[in-house]
C-alpha atoms as a PDB file:
ATOM      1  CA  MET A   1       3.402 -61.019  53.878  1.00  0.00           C
ATOM      2  CA  GLN A   2       0.341 -58.588  53.399  1.00  0.00           C
ATOM      3  CA  PRO A   3      -1.407 -58.900  49.997  1.00  0.00           C
ATOM      4  CA  TYR A   4      -1.334 -56.042  47.614  1.00  0.00           C
ATOM      5  CA  PRO A   5      -4.532 -54.109  47.857  1.00  0.00           C
ATOM      6  CA  GLN A   6      -6.963 -54.575  45.096  1.00  0.00           C
ATOM      7  CA  PHE A   7      -8.354 -51.648  43.118  1.00  0.00           C
ATOM      8  CA  GLN A   8     -11.504 -51.600  41.039  1.00  0.00           C
ATOM      9  CA  SER A   9     -11.923 -49.107  38.057  1.00  0.00           C
ATOM     10  CA  ILE A  10     -15.196 -47.453  37.834  1.00  0.00           C
ATOM     11  CA  THR A  11     -16.220 -45.691  34.430  1.00  0.00           C
ATOM     12  CA  ILE A  12     -18.771 -42.751  34.584  1.00  0.00           C
ATOM     13  CA  ASN A  13     -20.589 -41.917  31.306  1.00  0.00           C
ATOM     14  CA  ALA A  14     -21.639 -38.431  31.102  1.00  0.00           C
ATOM     15  CA  LEU A  15     -24.707 -37.633  29.295  1.00  0.00           C
ATOM     16  CA  SER A  16     -24.666 -34.645  27.104  1.00  0.00           C
ATOM     17  CA  LEU A  17     -27.578 -32.400  27.293  1.00  0.00           C
ATOM     18  CA  GLY A  18     -26.565 -29.530  24.987  1.00  0.00           C
ATOM     19  CA  HIS A  19     -27.607 -28.916  21.425  1.00  0.00           C
ATOM     20  CA  SER A  20     -26.936 -26.465  18.706  1.00  0.00           C
ATOM     21  CA  TRP A  21     -28.635 -25.566  15.452  1.00  0.00           C
ATOM     22  CA  TYR A  22     -27.438 -23.529  12.452  1.00  0.00           C
ATOM     23  CA  ASN A  23     -29.746 -22.662   9.514  1.00  0.00           C
ATOM     24  CA  SER A  24     -28.676 -20.390   6.813  1.00  0.00           C
ATOM     25  CA  LEU A  25     -29.305 -19.060   3.164  1.00  0.00           C
ATOM     26  CA  GLN A  26     -25.979 -18.431   1.447  1.00  0.00           C
ATOM     27  CA  ALA A  27     -25.525 -16.732  -1.893  1.00  0.00           C
ATOM     28  CA  LYS A  28     -22.245 -15.874  -3.895  1.00  0.00           C
ATOM     29  CA  LEU A  29     -21.490 -13.830  -6.864  1.00  0.00           C
ATOM     30  CA  GLU A  30     -18.041 -14.165  -8.242  1.00  0.00           C
ATOM     31  CA  LYS A  31     -16.407 -12.784 -11.198  1.00  0.00           C
ATOM     32  CA  ARG A  32     -13.143 -14.466 -12.279  1.00  0.00           C
ATOM     33  CA  LEU A  33     -10.133 -12.641 -13.563  1.00  0.00           C
ATOM     34  CA  THR A  34     -10.824 -10.798 -16.898  1.00  0.00           C
ATOM     35  CA  ARG A  35      -9.334  -7.685 -17.949  1.00  0.00           C
ATOM     36  CA  GLY A  36      -7.456  -7.416 -14.733  1.00  0.00           C
ATOM     37  CA  LEU A  37     -10.568  -7.417 -12.565  1.00  0.00           C
ATOM     38  CA  SER A  38     -11.805 -10.117 -10.211  1.00  0.00           C
ATOM     39  CA  PHE A  39     -14.252  -9.904  -7.015  1.00  0.00           C
ATOM     40  CA  ILE A  40     -16.380 -12.198  -4.777  1.00  0.00           C
ATOM     41  CA  THR A  41     -19.331 -11.005  -2.994  1.00  0.00           C
ATOM     42  CA  SER A  42     -21.027 -13.358  -0.572  1.00  0.00           C
ATOM     43  CA  TYR A  43     -24.262 -12.888   1.627  1.00  0.00           C
ATOM     44  CA  THR A  44     -25.423 -15.182   4.428  1.00  0.00           C
ATOM     45  CA  TYR A  45     -28.948 -14.992   6.109  1.00  0.00           C
ATOM     46  CA  SER A  46     -28.753 -17.158   9.167  1.00  0.00           C
ATOM     47  CA  LYS A  47     -30.032 -17.946  12.774  1.00  0.00           C
ATOM     48  CA  ASN A  48     -27.621 -19.814  15.009  1.00  0.00           C
ATOM     49  CA  MET A  49     -29.301 -21.377  18.268  1.00  0.00           C
ATOM     50  CA  GLU A  50     -27.929 -23.301  21.238  1.00  0.00           C
ATOM     51  CA  GLN A  51     -29.402 -25.140  24.179  1.00  0.00           C
ATOM     52  CA  VAL A  52     -26.399 -25.367  26.648  1.00  0.00           C
ATOM     53  CA  SER A  53     -27.138 -22.950  29.624  1.00  0.00           C
ATOM     54  CA  PHE A  54     -29.301 -23.233  32.499  1.00  0.00           C
ATOM     55  CA  LEU A  55     -31.235 -20.208  33.572  1.00  0.00           C
ATOM     56  CA  ASN A  56     -31.556 -21.679  37.101  1.00  0.00           C
ATOM     57  CA  ALA A  57     -29.602 -24.530  38.892  1.00  0.00           C
ATOM     58  CA  GLN A  58     -32.932 -26.204  39.456  1.00  0.00           C
ATOM     59  CA  ASP A  59     -33.976 -26.157  35.695  1.00  0.00           C
ATOM     60  CA  ALA A  60     -34.683 -29.483  34.100  1.00  0.00           C
ATOM     61  CA  GLU A  61     -33.175 -28.732  30.897  1.00  0.00           C
ATOM     62  CA  PRO A  62     -30.901 -25.749  29.396  1.00  0.00           C
ATOM     63  CA  SER A  63     -32.746 -22.719  27.807  1.00  0.00           C
ATOM     64  CA  ARG A  64     -33.053 -22.615  24.056  1.00  0.00           C
ATOM     65  CA  GLU A  65     -31.884 -19.246  22.564  1.00  0.00           C
ATOM     66  CA  LEU A  66     -29.561 -17.447  20.280  1.00  0.00           C
ATOM     67  CA  VAL A  67     -25.859 -17.917  20.548  1.00  0.00           C
ATOM     68  CA  SER A  68     -23.819 -15.005  21.667  1.00  0.00           C
ATOM     69  CA  TYR A  69     -22.086 -14.538  18.275  1.00  0.00           C
ATOM     70  CA  ASP A  70     -25.163 -14.892  16.226  1.00  0.00           C
ATOM     71  CA  ARG A  71     -25.345 -12.439  13.304  1.00  0.00           C
ATOM     72  CA  THR A  72     -28.264 -12.548  11.041  1.00  0.00           C
ATOM     73  CA  HIS A  73     -27.043 -10.735   8.077  1.00  0.00           C
ATOM     74  CA  ARG A  74     -23.463 -10.956   6.653  1.00  0.00           C
ATOM     75  CA  LEU A  75     -22.211  -9.316   3.614  1.00  0.00           C
ATOM     76  CA  ALA A  76     -18.604  -9.560   2.454  1.00  0.00           C
ATOM     77  CA  LEU A  77     -16.992  -8.186  -0.494  1.00  0.00           C
ATOM     78  CA  SER A  78     -13.620  -8.610  -1.819  1.00  0.00           C
ATOM     79  CA  GLY A  79     -11.697  -7.961  -5.039  1.00  0.00           C
ATOM     80  CA  VAL A  80      -8.624  -7.051  -6.950  1.00  0.00           C
ATOM     81  CA  TRP A  81      -8.389  -4.575 -10.164  1.00  0.00           C
ATOM     82  CA  GLU A  82      -5.266  -4.410 -12.025  1.00  0.00           C
ATOM     83  CA  LEU A  83      -5.402  -0.873 -13.189  1.00  0.00           C
ATOM     84  CA  PRO A  84      -5.423  -0.644 -17.093  1.00  0.00           C
ATOM     85  CA  LEU A  85      -2.358   1.757 -17.214  1.00  0.00           C
ATOM     86  CA  GLY A  86       1.085   1.082 -18.964  1.00  0.00           C
ATOM     87  CA  ARG A  87       2.474  -0.823 -21.660  1.00  0.00           C
ATOM     88  CA  GLY A  88       0.167  -3.353 -23.147  1.00  0.00           C
ATOM     89  CA  ARG A  89      -2.814  -2.147 -21.189  1.00  0.00           C
ATOM     90  CA  ARG A  90      -6.053  -0.356 -22.324  1.00  0.00           C
ATOM     91  CA  LEU A  91      -4.478   3.030 -21.408  1.00  0.00           C
ATOM     92  CA  PHE A  92      -1.045   4.233 -22.530  1.00  0.00           C
ATOM     93  CA  ARG A  93      -0.488   0.945 -24.198  1.00  0.00           C
ATOM     94  CA  GLN A  94       2.601   2.413 -25.956  1.00  0.00           C
ATOM     95  CA  ALA A  95       4.326   3.856 -22.765  1.00  0.00           C
ATOM     96  CA  GLN A  96       7.879   3.194 -22.390  1.00  0.00           C
ATOM     97  CA  GLY A  97      10.720   3.963 -20.179  1.00  0.00           C
ATOM     98  CA  PRO A  98      10.191   6.190 -17.141  1.00  0.00           C
ATOM     99  CA  LEU A  99       6.388   6.802 -17.897  1.00  0.00           C
ATOM    100  CA  ASN A 100       5.636   3.181 -18.209  1.00  0.00           C
ATOM    101  CA  TRP A 101       7.907   2.378 -14.950  1.00  0.00           C
ATOM    102  CA  ILE A 102       5.675   5.048 -13.030  1.00  0.00           C
ATOM    103  CA  ILE A 103       2.061   4.510 -14.237  1.00  0.00           C
ATOM    104  CA  GLY A 104       2.305   0.792 -14.880  1.00  0.00           C
ATOM    105  CA  GLY A 105       1.971  -2.201 -12.553  1.00  0.00           C
ATOM    106  CA  TRP A 106      -0.708  -0.862 -10.110  1.00  0.00           C
ATOM    107  CA  GLN A 107      -3.124  -2.992  -8.439  1.00  0.00           C
ATOM    108  CA  PHE A 108      -6.203  -1.896  -6.232  1.00  0.00           C
ATOM    109  CA  ASN A 109      -7.537  -4.391  -3.689  1.00  0.00           C
ATOM    110  CA  TRP A 110     -10.490  -4.238  -1.294  1.00  0.00           C
ATOM    111  CA  ILE A 111     -12.279  -6.105   1.608  1.00  0.00           C
ATOM    112  CA  GLY A 112     -15.665  -4.936   2.988  1.00  0.00           C
ATOM    113  CA  ASN A 113     -17.423  -6.454   5.877  1.00  0.00           C
ATOM    114  CA  PHE A 114     -21.099  -5.494   6.350  1.00  0.00           C
ATOM    115  CA  GLN A 115     -23.000  -7.412   9.114  1.00  0.00           C
ATOM    116  CA  SER A 116     -25.528  -7.452  12.011  1.00  0.00           C
ATOM    117  CA  GLY A 117     -24.467  -7.041  15.695  1.00  0.00           C
ATOM    118  CA  VAL A 118     -24.610  -9.741  17.979  1.00  0.00           C
ATOM    119  CA  PRO A 119     -27.608 -10.241  20.497  1.00  0.00           C
ATOM    120  CA  THR A 120     -27.665  -7.907  23.595  1.00  0.00           C
ATOM    121  CA  PRO A 121     -27.746  -9.654  26.812  1.00  0.00           C
ATOM    122  CA  TYR A 122     -30.909  -9.375  28.986  1.00  0.00           C
ATOM    123  CA  PRO A 123     -30.539  -7.607  32.349  1.00  0.00           C
ATOM    124  CA  SER A 124     -29.450 -10.320  34.831  1.00  0.00           C
ATOM    125  CA  GLY A 125     -31.730  -8.840  37.753  1.00  0.00           C
ATOM    126  CA  ALA A 126     -34.741  -8.112  35.750  1.00  0.00           C
ATOM    127  CA  GLU A 127     -37.891  -9.854  34.510  1.00  0.00           C
ATOM    128  CA  LEU A 128     -40.248  -8.896  31.685  1.00  0.00           C
ATOM    129  CA  THR A 129     -44.015  -7.838  31.957  1.00  0.00           C
ATOM    130  CA  GLY A 130     -44.516  -8.808  28.389  1.00  0.00           C
ATOM    131  CA  ILE A 131     -44.130  -5.266  26.837  1.00  0.00           C
ATOM    132  CA  SER A 132     -41.342  -5.473  24.159  1.00  0.00           C
ATOM    133  CA  PRO A 133     -38.186  -3.525  25.157  1.00  0.00           C
ATOM    134  CA  LYS A 134     -37.318  -3.036  21.438  1.00  0.00           C
ATOM    135  CA  LEU A 135     -37.703   0.505  20.292  1.00  0.00           C
ATOM    136  CA  PRO A 136     -39.758   1.596  17.331  1.00  0.00           C
ATOM    137  CA  PRO A 137     -37.478   2.447  14.198  1.00  0.00           C
ATOM    138  CA  GLY A 138     -35.919   5.830  14.581  1.00  0.00           C
ATOM    139  CA  GLU A 139     -36.188   5.967  18.287  1.00  0.00           C
ATOM    140  CA  GLN A 140     -32.999   3.921  19.034  1.00  0.00           C
ATOM    141  CA  THR A 141     -29.876   5.974  20.166  1.00  0.00           C
ATOM    142  CA  PHE A 142     -26.630   5.376  22.004  1.00  0.00           C
ATOM    143  CA  ASP A 143     -28.305   6.977  25.167  1.00  0.00           C
ATOM    144  CA  ARG A 144     -31.171   4.704  24.874  1.00  0.00           C
ATOM    145  CA  TRP A 145     -30.573   1.506  23.014  1.00  0.00           C
ATOM    146  CA  PHE A 146     -33.855  -0.200  24.098  1.00  0.00           C
ATOM    147  CA  ASN A 147     -36.853   0.578  26.163  1.00  0.00           C
ATOM    148  CA  THR A 148     -35.325   1.189  29.625  1.00  0.00           C
ATOM    149  CA  GLY A 149     -38.790   1.756  31.479  1.00  0.00           C
ATOM    150  CA  LYS A 150     -38.628  -0.275  34.864  1.00  0.00           C
ATOM    151  CA  ALA A 151     -40.270  -0.630  38.181  1.00  0.00           C
ATOM    152  CA  SER A 152     -39.384  -2.151  41.474  1.00  0.00           C
ATOM    153  CA  ASN A 153     -42.143  -4.921  41.100  1.00  0.00           C
ATOM    154  CA  LEU A 154     -44.526  -6.522  38.616  1.00  0.00           C
ATOM    155  CA  GLN A 155     -47.654  -4.611  39.651  1.00  0.00           C
ATOM    156  CA  ALA A 156     -45.986  -1.182  39.391  1.00  0.00           C
ATOM    157  CA  ALA A 157     -44.317  -2.043  36.043  1.00  0.00           C
ATOM    158  CA  LEU A 158     -47.876  -3.214  34.673  1.00  0.00           C
ATOM    159  CA  ASP A 159     -49.403   0.084  35.855  1.00  0.00           C
ATOM    160  CA  ALA A 160     -46.682   2.215  34.263  1.00  0.00           C
ATOM    161  CA  GLN A 161     -46.531   0.072  31.224  1.00  0.00           C
ATOM    162  CA  VAL A 162     -42.852  -0.418  31.206  1.00  0.00           C
ATOM    163  CA  PRO A 163     -41.209  -3.620  30.139  1.00  0.00           C
ATOM    164  CA  PHE A 164     -39.033  -4.395  32.990  1.00  0.00           C
ATOM    165  CA  TYR A 165     -39.248  -5.034  36.783  1.00  0.00           C
ATOM    166  CA  THR A 166     -36.681  -5.912  39.477  1.00  0.00           C
ATOM    167  CA  ARG A 167     -36.739  -9.648  39.994  1.00  0.00           C
ATOM    168  CA  PRO A 168     -37.649 -10.428  43.615  1.00  0.00           C
ATOM    169  CA  GLY A 169     -35.201 -12.190  46.008  1.00  0.00           C
ATOM    170  CA  PHE A 170     -35.099 -15.954  46.046  1.00  0.00           C
ATOM    171  CA  THR A 171     -37.143 -16.344  42.754  1.00  0.00           C
ATOM    172  CA  LEU A 172     -36.369 -18.182  39.622  1.00  0.00           C
ATOM    173  CA  ARG A 173     -35.239 -16.456  36.443  1.00  0.00           C
ATOM    174  CA  ARG A 174     -37.779 -16.530  33.569  1.00  0.00           C
ATOM    175  CA  ILE A 175     -36.322 -14.546  30.792  1.00  0.00           C
ATOM    176  CA  PRO A 176     -33.585 -15.807  28.463  1.00  0.00           C
ATOM    177  CA  LEU A 177     -29.944 -14.797  28.482  1.00  0.00           C
ATOM    178  CA  ARG A 178     -30.179 -12.694  25.372  1.00  0.00           C
ATOM    179  CA  PHE A 179     -32.650 -10.409  23.585  1.00  0.00           C
ATOM    180  CA  PRO A 180     -34.148 -12.229  20.433  1.00  0.00           C
ATOM    181  CA  ASP A 181     -34.576  -8.848  18.620  1.00  0.00           C
ATOM    182  CA  VAL A 182     -32.048  -6.192  20.054  1.00  0.00           C
ATOM    183  CA  ARG A 183     -28.586  -6.255  18.642  1.00  0.00           C
ATOM    184  CA  ASN A 184     -25.221  -4.661  20.017  1.00  0.00           C
ATOM    185  CA  PRO A 185     -23.783  -1.892  17.683  1.00  0.00           C
ATOM    186  CA  TYR A 186     -21.889  -2.802  14.504  1.00  0.00           C
ATOM    187  CA  GLU A 187     -20.617  -0.679  11.661  1.00  0.00           C
ATOM    188  CA  PRO A 188     -19.203  -1.529   8.201  1.00  0.00           C
ATOM    189  CA  GLN A 189     -15.490  -2.182   8.081  1.00  0.00           C
ATOM    190  CA  ILE A 190     -13.539  -1.521   4.816  1.00  0.00           C
ATOM    191  CA  ASN A 191      -9.896  -2.350   4.201  1.00  0.00           C
ATOM    192  CA  LEU A 192      -8.194  -1.010   1.020  1.00  0.00           C
ATOM    193  CA  SER A 193      -4.822  -1.571  -0.215  1.00  0.00           C
ATOM    194  CA  LEU A 194      -2.763  -0.214  -3.357  1.00  0.00           C
ATOM    195  CA  PHE A 195       0.117  -2.370  -4.703  1.00  0.00           C
ATOM    196  CA  LYS A 196       2.668  -1.481  -7.366  1.00  0.00           C
ATOM    197  CA  SER A 197       4.866  -4.129  -9.114  1.00  0.00           C
ATOM    198  CA  LEU A 198       8.502  -3.107  -9.858  1.00  0.00           C
ATOM    199  CA  LYS A 199      10.903  -4.821 -12.107  1.00  0.00           C
ATOM    200  CA  PHE A 200      14.530  -3.795 -11.534  1.00  0.00           C
ATOM    201  CA  ARG A 201      16.159  -6.614 -13.561  1.00  0.00           C
ATOM    202  CA  GLU A 202      15.289  -9.860 -15.034  1.00  0.00           C
ATOM    203  CA  ARG A 203      15.526 -11.893 -11.686  1.00  0.00           C
ATOM    204  CA  ILE A 204      14.976  -9.000  -9.384  1.00  0.00           C
ATOM    205  CA  THR A 205      11.553  -7.617  -8.803  1.00  0.00           C
ATOM    206  CA  GLY A 206       9.792  -5.709  -6.001  1.00  0.00           C
ATOM    207  CA  GLN A 207       6.506  -4.458  -4.713  1.00  0.00           C
ATOM    208  CA  PHE A 208       5.440  -1.161  -3.163  1.00  0.00           C
ATOM    209  CA  ARG A 209       2.304  -1.326  -1.123  1.00  0.00           C
ATOM    210  CA  VAL A 210       0.007   1.123   0.699  1.00  0.00           C
ATOM    211  CA  GLU A 211      -2.621  -0.440   3.066  1.00  0.00           C
ATOM    212  CA  SER A 212      -5.434   0.967   4.902  1.00  0.00           C
ATOM    213  CA  PHE A 213      -7.259  -1.048   7.510  1.00  0.00           C
ATOM    214  CA  ASN A 214     -10.552   0.515   8.694  1.00  0.00           C
ATOM    215  CA  PHE A 215     -10.259   2.946   5.860  1.00  0.00           C
ATOM    216  CA  THR A 216     -13.458   4.875   6.888  1.00  0.00           C
ATOM    217  CA  ASN A 217     -12.011   5.186  10.462  1.00  0.00           C
ATOM    218  CA  THR A 218     -15.652   3.912  11.573  1.00  0.00           C
ATOM    219  CA  PRO A 219     -15.765   3.153  15.412  1.00  0.00           C
ATOM    220  CA  ILE A 220     -17.540   0.172  16.869  1.00  0.00           C
ATOM    221  CA  PHE A 221     -18.951   0.459  20.420  1.00  0.00           C
ATOM    222  CA  PRO A 222     -19.627  -2.171  22.858  1.00  0.00           C
ATOM    223  CA  GLY A 223     -23.243  -3.215  23.803  1.00  0.00           C
ATOM    224  CA  PRO A 224     -25.540  -1.186  26.084  1.00  0.00           C
ATOM    225  CA  ASN A 225     -25.167  -1.248  29.942  1.00  0.00           C
ATOM    226  CA  THR A 226     -27.693  -4.095  31.070  1.00  0.00           C
ATOM    227  CA  ASP A 227     -27.374  -3.444  34.801  1.00  0.00           C
ATOM    228  CA  ILE A 228     -31.063  -2.632  35.891  1.00  0.00           C
ATOM    229  CA  THR A 229     -29.609  -0.852  39.009  1.00  0.00           C
ATOM    230  CA  SER A 230     -27.254   1.374  37.080  1.00  0.00           C
ATOM    231  CA  GLY A 231     -28.002   4.958  36.098  1.00  0.00           C
ATOM    232  CA  ASN A 232     -26.459   4.155  32.699  1.00  0.00           C
ATOM    233  CA  PHE A 233     -29.101   1.401  32.215  1.00  0.00           C
ATOM    234  CA  GLY A 234     -29.450   0.937  28.387  1.00  0.00           C
ATOM    235  CA  LYS A 235     -26.855   3.477  27.489  1.00  0.00           C
ATOM    236  CA  VAL A 236     -23.908   2.733  25.084  1.00  0.00           C
ATOM    237  CA  THR A 237     -20.407   3.798  26.306  1.00  0.00           C
ATOM    238  CA  ARG A 238     -18.504   5.472  23.438  1.00  0.00           C
ATOM    239  CA  ASN A 239     -15.529   3.390  23.971  1.00  0.00           C
ATOM    240  CA  GLN A 240     -14.187   2.201  20.612  1.00  0.00           C
ATOM    241  CA  ILE A 241     -13.563  -1.678  20.763  1.00  0.00           C
ATOM    242  CA  ASN A 242     -12.203  -1.950  17.155  1.00  0.00           C
ATOM    243  CA  PHE A 243      -9.001  -0.330  15.725  1.00  0.00           C
ATOM    244  CA  PRO A 244      -9.061   3.053  14.418  1.00  0.00           C
ATOM    245  CA  ARG A 245      -7.900   3.627  11.059  1.00  0.00           C
ATOM    246  CA  HIS A 246      -4.356   2.163  10.381  1.00  0.00           C
ATOM    247  CA  ILE A 247      -2.219   2.948   7.352  1.00  0.00           C
ATOM    248  CA  GLN A 248       1.063   1.103   6.580  1.00  0.00           C
ATOM    249  CA  VAL A 249       3.711   1.431   3.749  1.00  0.00           C
ATOM    250  CA  ALA A 250       5.742  -1.456   2.742  1.00  0.00           C
ATOM    251  CA  MET A 251       8.280  -2.286   0.320  1.00  0.00           C
ATOM    252  CA  LYS A 252       9.186  -6.083  -0.740  1.00  0.00           C
ATOM    253  CA  LEU A 253      12.240  -7.129  -2.839  1.00  0.00           C
ATOM    254  CA  MET A 254      12.236 -10.404  -4.403  1.00  0.00           C
ATOM    255  CA  PHE A 255      15.208 -11.957  -5.945  1.00  0.00           C
END
């Protein structure tokens, strides 16, 4: 009889080289429910870094830079206001019957989101001369989101005083993956709703609600074109990536 083959198990321990860092200053202002009004306002100032991606396969360690979802500033507003109308409220406190049924039981709600855009990726086929690609205040437009000056080689770029030049073939990348000071477009987003509580009988109640998402119908566009060989280099395409204003009406019955 042939002996059974013997197997030897081998354990490989992988060494993790990745790191991430998150630092923030957070503040919150809260008003608890009094007189029908409550709200929360929170602000975060932060910086989120990572060291997980290699710029070149030959690199000894990953590149340390901003994460793709970093947002320096974030302000969030939310609240509920029970309108002071109807029986027992500040206004029309003696209202009865149909008048109280119409004007009473209304509640206004809001959620607002104001934040920085995420870091814009650096062009993959370019290198920097040392001149900042960030435009001065007031000069940034959708047609020129950053300084798009470029040349075919380093010397030509230095002579023309432009920030980019095409990386020569078979050379290592030296610039990081993302701009540290140029951000993709972002606009405030506001959602509003109006609720009305209805009471038909002692154990039968309802709620009528009107909700509007992206109430201001503010579009958010994608980041600029970062292909240094493209004729649209540095331009932001006006293709809306968020939902346009959406309004919905609903009725809820509880028994």
